[in-house]
């Protein structure tokens, strides 16, 4: 079997070593010495620093489909010339997002990263657990069509 060399580089990061400053900030939050917003700023800075500056990849596929994802502020740490694929469309639920809401969220991300360095996608595959998600095939196709149509509205047919 021959080795295939794709035209891109990729790493999958499920977890990373936490810097000492991040561990200390989490302990200070646990001890009620800092507020949640201060903890989030430390988390964003240290996690983004590792993610965006130590991994040698061409693009980052980031899930932004729920509240757990927080805001787009960490995108300010993305190095020049890198692409961020915004996973704004959930694959966990059948409810179809509105194109206008996706466009608004992409504009918010644009406060931190140039539009030409962004893409749109579903947040994950349609079967992200061993049991799958409660979303039928028609809903899946509708979500993919939404991604394509919204991307065309923002970036054109290029």
Foldseek 3Di string as FASTA:
>chain_A
DDDDDDPWDDDDDPDDDFDPVLVVLVVCVVVVNDDPVVSVVVVLVRVLCCVQPVDPTQEAQAEDQDCVSPALVSLLSHDPNHAYEYQHAELQDLDADDLVVVVVRLVRNCVRPPSVRYAYDHNDDNAPDPVGHPHDPVSVVVNVVSRVVSRCVVPNDD
